[in-house]
Protein backbone atom coordinates (compact mmCIF):
# COMPACT_ATOMS: atom_id res chain seq x y z
CA MET A 1 13.40 -27.92 10.16
CA SER A 2 15.17 -24.68 11.00
CA SER A 3 13.23 -21.41 10.81
CA LEU A 4 15.94 -20.24 8.42
CA SER A 5 15.12 -22.90 5.86
CA ARG A 6 11.34 -23.17 6.16
CA LYS A 7 8.51 -20.71 6.47
CA VAL A 8 6.93 -20.26 9.85
CA ASN A 9 3.77 -22.34 9.86
CA ASN A 10 0.35 -22.07 11.45
CA LYS A 11 1.44 -23.80 14.64
CA ASN A 12 3.12 -20.62 15.86
CA ALA A 13 0.37 -18.29 14.71
CA ASN A 14 -0.38 -17.05 18.21
CA ASN A 15 3.21 -15.84 18.67
CA ILE A 16 3.39 -13.69 15.55
CA THR A 17 3.08 -10.42 17.47
CA PHE A 18 6.36 -11.22 19.24
CA ASP A 19 8.34 -11.97 16.11
CA GLY A 20 11.17 -9.45 15.78
CA ASN A 21 11.69 -10.36 12.13
CA LEU A 22 8.17 -9.23 11.27
CA PHE A 23 8.48 -5.81 12.88
CA LEU A 24 11.87 -5.26 11.30
CA ILE A 25 10.30 -6.02 7.91
CA ILE A 26 7.34 -3.74 8.65
CA SER A 27 9.80 -0.92 9.38
CA ILE A 28 10.76 -1.07 5.69
CA SER A 29 7.21 -0.20 4.71
CA LEU A 30 7.05 2.58 7.30
CA ILE A 31 10.19 4.10 5.78
CA ALA A 32 8.66 4.03 2.29
CA THR A 33 5.32 5.56 3.35
CA SER A 34 7.09 8.47 5.07
CA GLY A 35 8.03 9.72 1.60
CA VAL A 36 4.40 10.62 0.96
CA LEU A 37 2.49 10.81 4.23
CA SER A 38 4.89 13.15 6.03
CA ILE A 39 5.28 15.40 2.99
CA ASN A 40 1.57 16.01 2.25
CA PRO A 41 1.02 18.56 5.06
CA ILE A 42 4.00 20.72 4.06
CA VAL A 43 3.24 21.00 0.34
CA PRO A 44 1.73 24.52 0.72
CA ILE A 45 4.77 25.62 2.78
CA ILE A 46 7.17 24.35 0.11
CA ALA A 47 5.15 26.08 -2.62
CA GLN A 48 5.34 29.38 -0.78
CA SER A 49 9.02 29.05 0.14
CA LEU A 50 10.19 28.20 -3.39
CA ASN A 51 7.59 30.33 -5.24
CA ILE A 52 6.05 27.33 -6.99
CA PRO A 53 2.86 27.88 -9.05
CA THR A 54 -0.14 25.94 -7.72
CA GLU A 55 -0.53 23.97 -10.94
CA GLN A 56 3.04 22.62 -10.62
CA ILE A 57 3.16 21.63 -6.94
CA GLY A 58 1.71 18.18 -7.69
CA MET A 59 5.01 17.31 -9.38
CA LEU A 60 6.45 16.97 -5.89
CA MET A 61 4.50 13.71 -5.49
CA THR A 62 4.63 12.65 -9.12
CA SER A 63 8.43 12.77 -9.22
CA PHE A 64 8.56 10.54 -6.14
CA LEU A 65 5.93 8.00 -7.26
CA LEU A 66 6.99 7.73 -10.90
CA PRO A 67 9.95 5.38 -10.23
CA THR A 68 7.65 3.00 -8.33
CA THR A 69 5.23 2.81 -11.25
CA PHE A 70 7.95 1.82 -13.70
CA GLY A 71 10.68 0.38 -11.50
CA SER A 72 8.85 -1.94 -9.12
CA LEU A 73 8.61 -4.81 -11.61
CA ILE A 74 12.30 -4.55 -12.51
CA PHE A 75 13.40 -4.55 -8.87
CA GLY A 76 11.03 -7.43 -8.11
CA ALA A 77 12.56 -9.55 -10.88
CA LEU A 78 16.07 -8.71 -9.67
CA ALA A 79 15.13 -9.62 -6.09
CA ASP A 80 14.04 -13.05 -7.32
CA ARG A 81 17.24 -13.55 -9.29
CA ILE A 82 20.00 -12.12 -7.10
CA GLY A 83 18.42 -12.02 -3.64
CA ARG A 84 16.19 -9.81 -1.51
CA LYS A 85 18.85 -8.08 0.58
CA LYS A 86 21.02 -7.24 -2.44
CA ILE A 87 18.19 -5.03 -3.71
CA LEU A 88 16.78 -3.93 -0.37
CA ILE A 89 19.92 -2.55 1.28
CA PRO A 90 21.00 -0.27 -1.61
CA SER A 91 17.37 0.88 -1.95
CA LEU A 92 17.24 2.00 1.69
CA LEU A 93 20.58 3.78 1.37
CA ILE A 94 19.46 5.60 -1.79
CA PHE A 95 16.22 6.58 -0.03
CA GLY A 96 18.13 8.02 2.90
CA ILE A 97 20.62 9.92 0.74
CA GLY A 98 17.86 11.26 -1.50
CA GLY A 99 15.96 12.65 1.47
CA ILE A 100 19.06 14.42 2.77
CA LEU A 101 19.67 15.99 -0.64
CA CYS A 102 16.00 17.11 -0.78
CA ALA A 103 16.47 18.89 2.54
CA PHE A 104 19.29 20.96 1.03
CA ALA A 105 17.65 21.64 -2.37
CA SER A 106 18.10 25.26 -3.42
CA ASN A 107 15.26 25.43 -5.96
CA PHE A 108 12.19 23.52 -7.17
CA ARG A 109 13.92 21.81 -10.08
CA THR A 110 16.68 20.48 -7.83
CA LEU A 111 14.07 19.36 -5.29
CA LEU A 112 12.22 17.40 -8.01
CA GLU A 113 15.46 15.74 -9.13
CA TRP A 114 16.29 14.63 -5.60
CA ARG A 115 12.68 13.51 -5.04
CA PHE A 116 13.03 11.33 -8.13
CA LEU A 117 16.22 9.83 -6.68
CA THR A 118 14.42 9.20 -3.37
CA GLY A 119 11.60 7.56 -5.37
CA ILE A 120 14.11 5.20 -6.97
CA GLY A 121 15.15 4.16 -3.48
CA SER A 122 11.51 3.70 -2.49
CA ALA A 123 10.48 1.83 -5.65
CA SER A 124 11.38 -1.63 -4.40
CA LEU A 125 10.61 -1.25 -0.69
CA GLU A 126 6.92 -2.13 -0.55
CA SER A 127 7.10 -5.08 -2.93
CA ILE A 128 10.18 -6.59 -1.26
CA GLU A 129 8.71 -6.04 2.19
CA LEU A 130 5.57 -7.97 1.17
CA THR A 131 7.77 -10.63 -0.41
CA LEU A 132 9.79 -11.05 2.79
CA ILE A 133 6.61 -11.53 4.81
CA SER A 134 5.44 -14.21 2.38
CA ASP A 135 8.92 -15.80 2.47
CA LEU A 136 8.68 -16.18 6.25
CA TYR A 137 5.04 -17.12 6.80
CA SER A 138 2.41 -19.35 5.25
CA GLY A 139 -1.25 -20.25 5.59
CA LYS A 140 -3.38 -18.36 8.11
CA MET A 141 -0.25 -16.98 9.74
CA LEU A 142 0.62 -15.23 6.48
CA THR A 143 -2.76 -13.48 6.47
CA SER A 144 -2.24 -12.52 10.12
CA ALA A 145 1.20 -11.09 9.31
CA MET A 146 -0.22 -9.13 6.37
CA GLY A 147 -2.91 -7.80 8.71
CA ILE A 148 -0.36 -6.59 11.27
CA ASN A 149 1.62 -4.97 8.46
CA ALA A 150 -1.50 -3.19 7.17
CA ALA A 151 -2.40 -2.11 10.71
CA MET A 152 1.00 -0.47 11.18
CA ILE A 153 0.60 1.36 7.88
CA GLY A 154 -2.78 2.57 9.13
CA VAL A 155 -1.13 3.89 12.28
CA ALA A 156 1.54 5.58 10.17
CA ALA A 157 -1.18 7.22 8.06
CA THR A 158 -2.44 8.84 11.25
CA ILE A 159 0.92 9.81 12.79
CA TYR A 160 3.10 10.84 9.85
CA PRO A 161 0.95 13.83 8.76
CA VAL A 162 1.02 15.16 12.33
CA VAL A 163 4.80 14.74 12.59
CA GLY A 164 5.31 16.29 9.15
CA GLY A 165 3.09 19.23 9.99
CA MET A 166 4.86 19.87 13.30
CA LEU A 167 8.34 19.73 11.75
CA GLY A 168 7.13 21.95 8.91
CA GLU A 169 6.31 24.67 11.44
CA PHE A 170 10.07 25.04 11.97
CA SER A 171 11.21 24.36 8.39
CA TRP A 172 9.94 22.21 5.54
CA ARG A 173 13.50 20.96 5.10
CA TYR A 174 13.41 19.12 8.44
CA VAL A 175 10.61 16.85 7.20
CA PHE A 176 12.80 15.36 4.47
CA LEU A 177 15.38 14.45 7.12
CA LEU A 178 12.98 11.74 8.35
CA SER A 179 14.62 9.70 5.59
CA LEU A 180 17.63 9.35 7.92
CA LEU A 181 15.68 6.55 9.60
CA ALA A 182 16.46 4.41 6.54
CA PHE A 183 20.11 4.08 7.66
CA PRO A 184 19.54 2.32 11.02
CA VAL A 185 16.88 0.15 9.41
CA ALA A 186 19.38 -0.89 6.71
CA PHE A 187 21.96 -1.68 9.40
CA LEU A 188 19.48 -3.81 11.37
CA ILE A 189 18.47 -5.69 8.24
CA ILE A 190 22.11 -6.49 7.49
CA THR A 191 22.86 -7.65 11.02
CA ARG A 192 19.58 -8.96 12.44
CA LEU A 193 17.12 -10.00 9.72
CA LYS A 194 17.03 -13.78 9.35
CA LEU A 195 15.51 -15.16 6.16
CA PRO A 196 14.84 -18.65 4.82
CA ASN A 197 17.33 -20.02 2.33
CA GLN A 198 16.28 -18.63 -1.03
CA GLN A 199 15.67 -21.19 -3.72
CA LYS A 200 17.96 -21.05 -6.74
CA LEU A 201 15.08 -21.73 -9.13
CA THR A 202 15.19 -18.43 -11.02
CA GLN A 203 18.77 -17.38 -10.43
CA THR A 204 20.03 -19.41 -13.40
CA LEU A 205 17.34 -18.18 -15.81
CA ASN A 206 18.00 -15.37 -18.24
CA PHE A 207 15.82 -12.30 -17.82
CA LYS A 208 13.76 -13.00 -20.95
CA THR A 209 12.83 -16.50 -19.75
CA TYR A 210 11.96 -15.13 -16.31
CA LEU A 211 9.60 -12.53 -17.79
CA LYS A 212 8.04 -15.05 -20.18
CA THR A 213 7.28 -17.48 -17.35
CA THR A 214 5.95 -14.67 -15.15
CA TRP A 215 3.61 -13.52 -17.93
CA LYS A 216 2.35 -17.07 -18.42
CA ASN A 217 1.57 -17.36 -14.71
CA ILE A 218 -0.21 -14.00 -14.64
CA GLN A 219 -2.71 -15.30 -17.21
CA ASN A 220 -4.06 -17.71 -14.61
CA PRO A 221 -7.72 -16.66 -13.93
CA GLN A 222 -7.12 -16.67 -10.18
CA VAL A 223 -4.17 -14.29 -10.51
CA LEU A 224 -6.16 -12.01 -12.82
CA GLY A 225 -9.01 -12.02 -10.33
CA LEU A 226 -6.75 -11.04 -7.46
CA LEU A 227 -4.96 -8.31 -9.41
CA PHE A 228 -8.23 -6.86 -10.71
CA THR A 229 -9.57 -6.75 -7.17
CA VAL A 230 -6.43 -5.00 -5.89
CA PHE A 231 -6.78 -2.47 -8.73
CA SER A 232 -10.44 -1.88 -7.88
CA MET A 233 -9.72 -1.32 -4.20
CA PHE A 234 -7.22 1.46 -4.82
CA LEU A 235 -9.31 3.01 -7.58
CA ILE A 236 -12.26 3.30 -5.18
CA GLU A 237 -10.13 4.36 -2.21
CA LEU A 238 -8.28 7.26 -3.79
CA GLY A 239 -11.09 8.47 -6.04
CA ALA A 240 -14.33 8.15 -4.10
CA PHE A 241 -12.97 8.16 -0.56
CA TYR A 242 -9.86 10.34 -0.23
CA ILE A 243 -10.86 12.94 -2.80
CA TYR A 244 -14.65 13.15 -2.93
CA ILE A 245 -15.53 12.56 0.73
CA PRO A 246 -13.57 15.73 1.61
CA VAL A 247 -15.25 17.49 -1.34
CA TYR A 248 -18.70 16.36 -0.16
CA ALA A 249 -17.97 17.27 3.47
CA GLY A 250 -16.62 20.68 2.53
CA THR A 251 -19.17 21.76 -0.11
CA SER A 252 -22.38 20.01 0.98
CA LEU A 253 -21.90 19.83 4.76
CA HIS A 254 -19.69 22.95 5.11
CA ALA A 255 -17.14 21.08 7.20
CA SER A 256 -13.87 22.75 8.17
CA GLY A 257 -10.48 21.41 7.18
CA THR A 258 -9.91 20.24 10.75
CA GLU A 259 -13.21 18.36 10.82
CA ILE A 260 -12.43 16.67 7.52
CA GLY A 261 -8.98 15.71 8.79
CA ILE A 262 -10.47 14.13 11.91
CA ILE A 263 -13.01 12.16 9.85
CA LEU A 264 -10.26 10.75 7.62
CA ALA A 265 -8.11 9.97 10.68
CA ILE A 266 -11.02 8.02 12.18
CA GLU A 267 -11.09 5.84 9.05
CA SER A 268 -7.34 5.16 9.37
CA ILE A 269 -7.74 4.22 13.03
CA ALA A 270 -10.65 1.86 12.23
CA PHE A 271 -8.54 0.28 9.49
CA ALA A 272 -5.57 -0.21 11.81
CA ILE A 273 -7.61 -1.76 14.63
CA ALA A 274 -9.51 -4.12 12.33
CA ALA A 275 -6.39 -5.18 10.40
CA SER A 276 -4.57 -5.99 13.63
CA GLN A 277 -7.30 -8.52 14.46
CA LEU A 278 -7.29 -10.22 11.07
CA GLY A 279 -5.39 -13.24 12.37
CA LEU A 280 -8.26 -13.88 14.78
CA LEU A 281 -10.88 -13.58 12.03
CA THR A 282 -9.11 -16.08 9.79
CA ARG A 283 -9.86 -18.78 12.38
CA TRP A 284 -13.50 -18.63 11.33
CA PHE A 285 -13.53 -17.09 7.85
CA SER A 286 -11.55 -17.77 4.67
CA GLU A 287 -9.56 -15.01 2.98
CA LYS A 288 -11.95 -15.20 0.04
CA SER A 289 -14.94 -14.57 2.32
CA LEU A 290 -13.18 -11.66 4.02
CA ILE A 291 -12.42 -10.04 0.67
CA SER A 292 -16.01 -10.42 -0.54
CA CYS A 293 -17.34 -9.08 2.76
CA GLY A 294 -14.87 -6.20 2.63
CA PHE A 295 -15.90 -5.07 -0.83
CA MET A 296 -19.59 -5.31 -0.02
CA GLY A 297 -18.93 -3.23 3.10
CA CYS A 298 -17.08 -0.61 1.02
CA GLY A 299 -19.99 -0.46 -1.42
CA LEU A 300 -22.62 -0.11 1.30
CA SER A 301 -20.66 2.63 3.10
CA LEU A 302 -20.42 4.64 -0.13
CA LEU A 303 -24.17 4.25 -0.77
CA VAL A 304 -24.95 5.79 2.61
CA ILE A 305 -22.74 8.87 2.30
CA PRO A 306 -24.98 11.01 0.00
CA ILE A 307 -27.91 10.81 2.44
CA ILE A 308 -25.88 12.05 5.42
CA GLN A 309 -26.53 15.68 6.33
CA ASN A 310 -24.25 16.07 9.35
CA THR A 311 -20.46 16.18 9.25
CA TRP A 312 -19.86 14.01 12.30
CA LEU A 313 -22.31 11.37 11.09
CA LEU A 314 -19.88 10.82 8.21
CA ALA A 315 -17.70 9.04 10.76
CA ALA A 316 -20.04 6.02 10.67
CA PRO A 317 -19.62 5.08 6.98
CA CYS A 318 -15.93 6.01 7.22
CA ILE A 319 -15.48 3.51 10.05
CA VAL A 320 -17.30 0.87 8.00
CA PHE A 321 -15.12 1.69 5.00
CA GLY A 322 -11.92 1.38 7.08
CA ILE A 323 -12.96 -1.94 8.61
CA SER A 324 -14.02 -3.26 5.20
CA GLN A 325 -10.67 -2.35 3.68
CA ALA A 326 -8.90 -4.05 6.59
CA PHE A 327 -10.80 -7.25 5.82
CA ALA A 328 -10.03 -7.15 2.10
CA PHE A 329 -6.57 -5.67 1.57
CA PRO A 330 -4.31 -7.92 3.71
CA SER A 331 -6.33 -10.95 2.60
CA LEU A 332 -5.69 -10.04 -1.03
CA GLN A 333 -1.96 -9.69 -0.34
CA SER A 334 -1.92 -13.06 1.40
CA MET A 335 -3.76 -14.86 -1.41
CA LEU A 336 -1.52 -13.33 -4.07
CA ALA A 337 1.62 -14.31 -2.15
CA THR A 338 0.26 -17.83 -1.67
CA ILE A 339 -0.49 -18.38 -5.35
CA ALA A 340 2.88 -16.99 -6.51
CA PRO A 341 5.23 -19.72 -7.78
CA GLU A 342 8.44 -20.35 -5.86
CA GLY A 343 11.21 -18.23 -7.33
CA TYR A 344 8.78 -15.66 -8.76
CA ARG A 345 7.26 -14.26 -5.58
CA ALA A 346 9.07 -10.91 -5.59
CA GLY A 347 8.00 -10.35 -9.19
CA PHE A 348 4.39 -11.10 -8.27
CA MET A 349 4.39 -8.75 -5.30
CA ALA A 350 6.02 -6.06 -7.43
CA LEU A 351 3.22 -6.50 -9.97
CA ASN A 352 0.78 -6.10 -7.09
CA VAL A 353 2.40 -2.76 -6.17
CA THR A 354 2.30 -1.63 -9.80
CA VAL A 355 -1.41 -2.47 -10.02
CA GLN A 356 -1.98 -0.49 -6.82
CA ALA A 357 -0.24 2.51 -8.39
CA LEU A 358 -2.38 2.18 -11.52
CA GLY A 359 -5.53 2.10 -9.38
CA ARG A 360 -4.42 5.21 -7.52
CA ALA A 361 -3.67 6.98 -10.80
CA LEU A 362 -7.02 6.15 -12.43
CA GLY A 363 -9.18 6.52 -9.30
CA PRO A 364 -9.41 10.32 -9.44
CA VAL A 365 -10.06 10.14 -13.20
CA PHE A 366 -12.88 7.62 -12.79
CA ALA A 367 -14.41 9.60 -9.94
CA GLY A 368 -14.00 12.86 -11.88
CA VAL A 369 -15.85 11.49 -14.90
CA SER A 370 -18.62 10.23 -12.60
CA PHE A 371 -18.84 13.66 -11.00
CA GLY A 372 -19.03 15.38 -14.40
CA ILE A 373 -21.94 13.21 -15.51
CA TRP A 374 -23.94 12.52 -12.33
CA GLY A 375 -22.65 15.01 -9.76
CA ILE A 376 -21.26 14.36 -6.28
CA GLN A 377 -23.88 11.71 -5.44
CA GLY A 378 -23.08 9.88 -8.67
CA VAL A 379 -19.45 9.50 -7.57
CA PHE A 380 -20.48 7.47 -4.54
CA TYR A 381 -23.21 5.49 -6.28
CA ILE A 382 -21.05 4.54 -9.28
CA ASN A 383 -18.12 3.53 -7.07
CA ALA A 384 -20.46 1.52 -4.84
CA LEU A 385 -21.76 -0.27 -7.93
CA PHE A 386 -18.19 -0.89 -9.07
CA ALA A 387 -17.39 -2.44 -5.66
CA ILE A 388 -20.31 -4.84 -6.04
CA ILE A 389 -19.33 -5.70 -9.63
CA THR A 390 -15.76 -6.34 -8.43
CA THR A 391 -17.07 -8.75 -5.80
CA ILE A 392 -18.94 -10.70 -8.48
CA ILE A 393 -15.95 -10.81 -10.86
CA PHE A 394 -13.62 -11.80 -8.02
CA ASN A 395 -15.79 -14.75 -7.02
CA LEU A 396 -16.25 -15.88 -10.61
CA LEU A 397 -12.52 -15.87 -11.35
CA LEU A 398 -11.71 -17.56 -8.05
CA ALA A 399 -14.39 -20.18 -8.45
CA ARG A 400 -12.30 -22.85 -6.74
CA LYS A 401 -12.58 -23.11 -3.00
CA THR A 402 -8.84 -22.95 -2.40
CA ILE A 403 -5.97 -21.13 -4.02
CA THR A 404 -3.97 -23.37 -6.30
CA HIS A 405 -0.18 -22.95 -6.59
CA ILE A 406 0.88 -22.22 -10.15
CA HIS A 407 4.14 -23.09 -11.82
């Protein structure tokens, strides 16, 4: 059958790195992540330029991420009903326009309004990008594609802050102009991206029936297990790792900001390298095994951190943490895409993005409560315990050896 009407199968798994469709799809995710990763380094510069109080500067990120939290599910449902490109193209254009308007904002309120608009453009990008990958690939090749996608995001997490910081040295406004990249990507998607013929299964359903069927499918224990595990991963990552490792390094080990930045960059590099090799690993290990191994690795790396008394030795558990995440995260995405019913895949991947956002939101809260009760060591020990508990729950809910398609 034609590649336009069927997913690419495992037979071509070795050629995935040469697939232009995949890298065009990945560019969508790289556009979306620029809205956060390139902006982080210039937040202090913006605060100083616009005379923004410290307690309000966080709104710069909140206004951008809020539309994703509430809009991802809506855009996912629409992508299932009216088509991927009909949601994706306008989203990229809105993202690009919003970034341009941010660059010309005259005050903080206007900047927040345009950031919210940019966030609306970004809200559908990650979920549709993951949906497109799962539309095109299946089986072990799907996991390999998810791994390459995750690896590229890991590379972006290393490069974007550097680019943002360098542009910010000239003017913080230049950083927002990175959104201009959305326009050529949109053009290439219109002219070059080739997708399988989308099934008409959900396009004739009314929205209420679509949501009712989606909710019924979500109640499947396997789906709940996957979503809970995704939630746990991002709760642990943002709370214990990205917030309290810098706190521990700075307060207990007296590390400089540069040293902390290098340590975190090392984790991103380890993640990117390991994720890029995931297709090779799936020849010998199942996705379920990789996820379990990944969470155990995250837990063990967190257990080690409180006993480390040298800044540079922190690199070791950070490398383990990055590799462990690379094992678990793309495998989770692949399993969730595989179990999603035909016609509901975009909605499922949008739910996955929403659960990620919830984990990110609650991670700092969970870690903060742990810190208040047990101190800095308690943050790592409690999150390590939570990683182990997640592994147990995941395996109990996915008791079957293979993922079963639901309908």
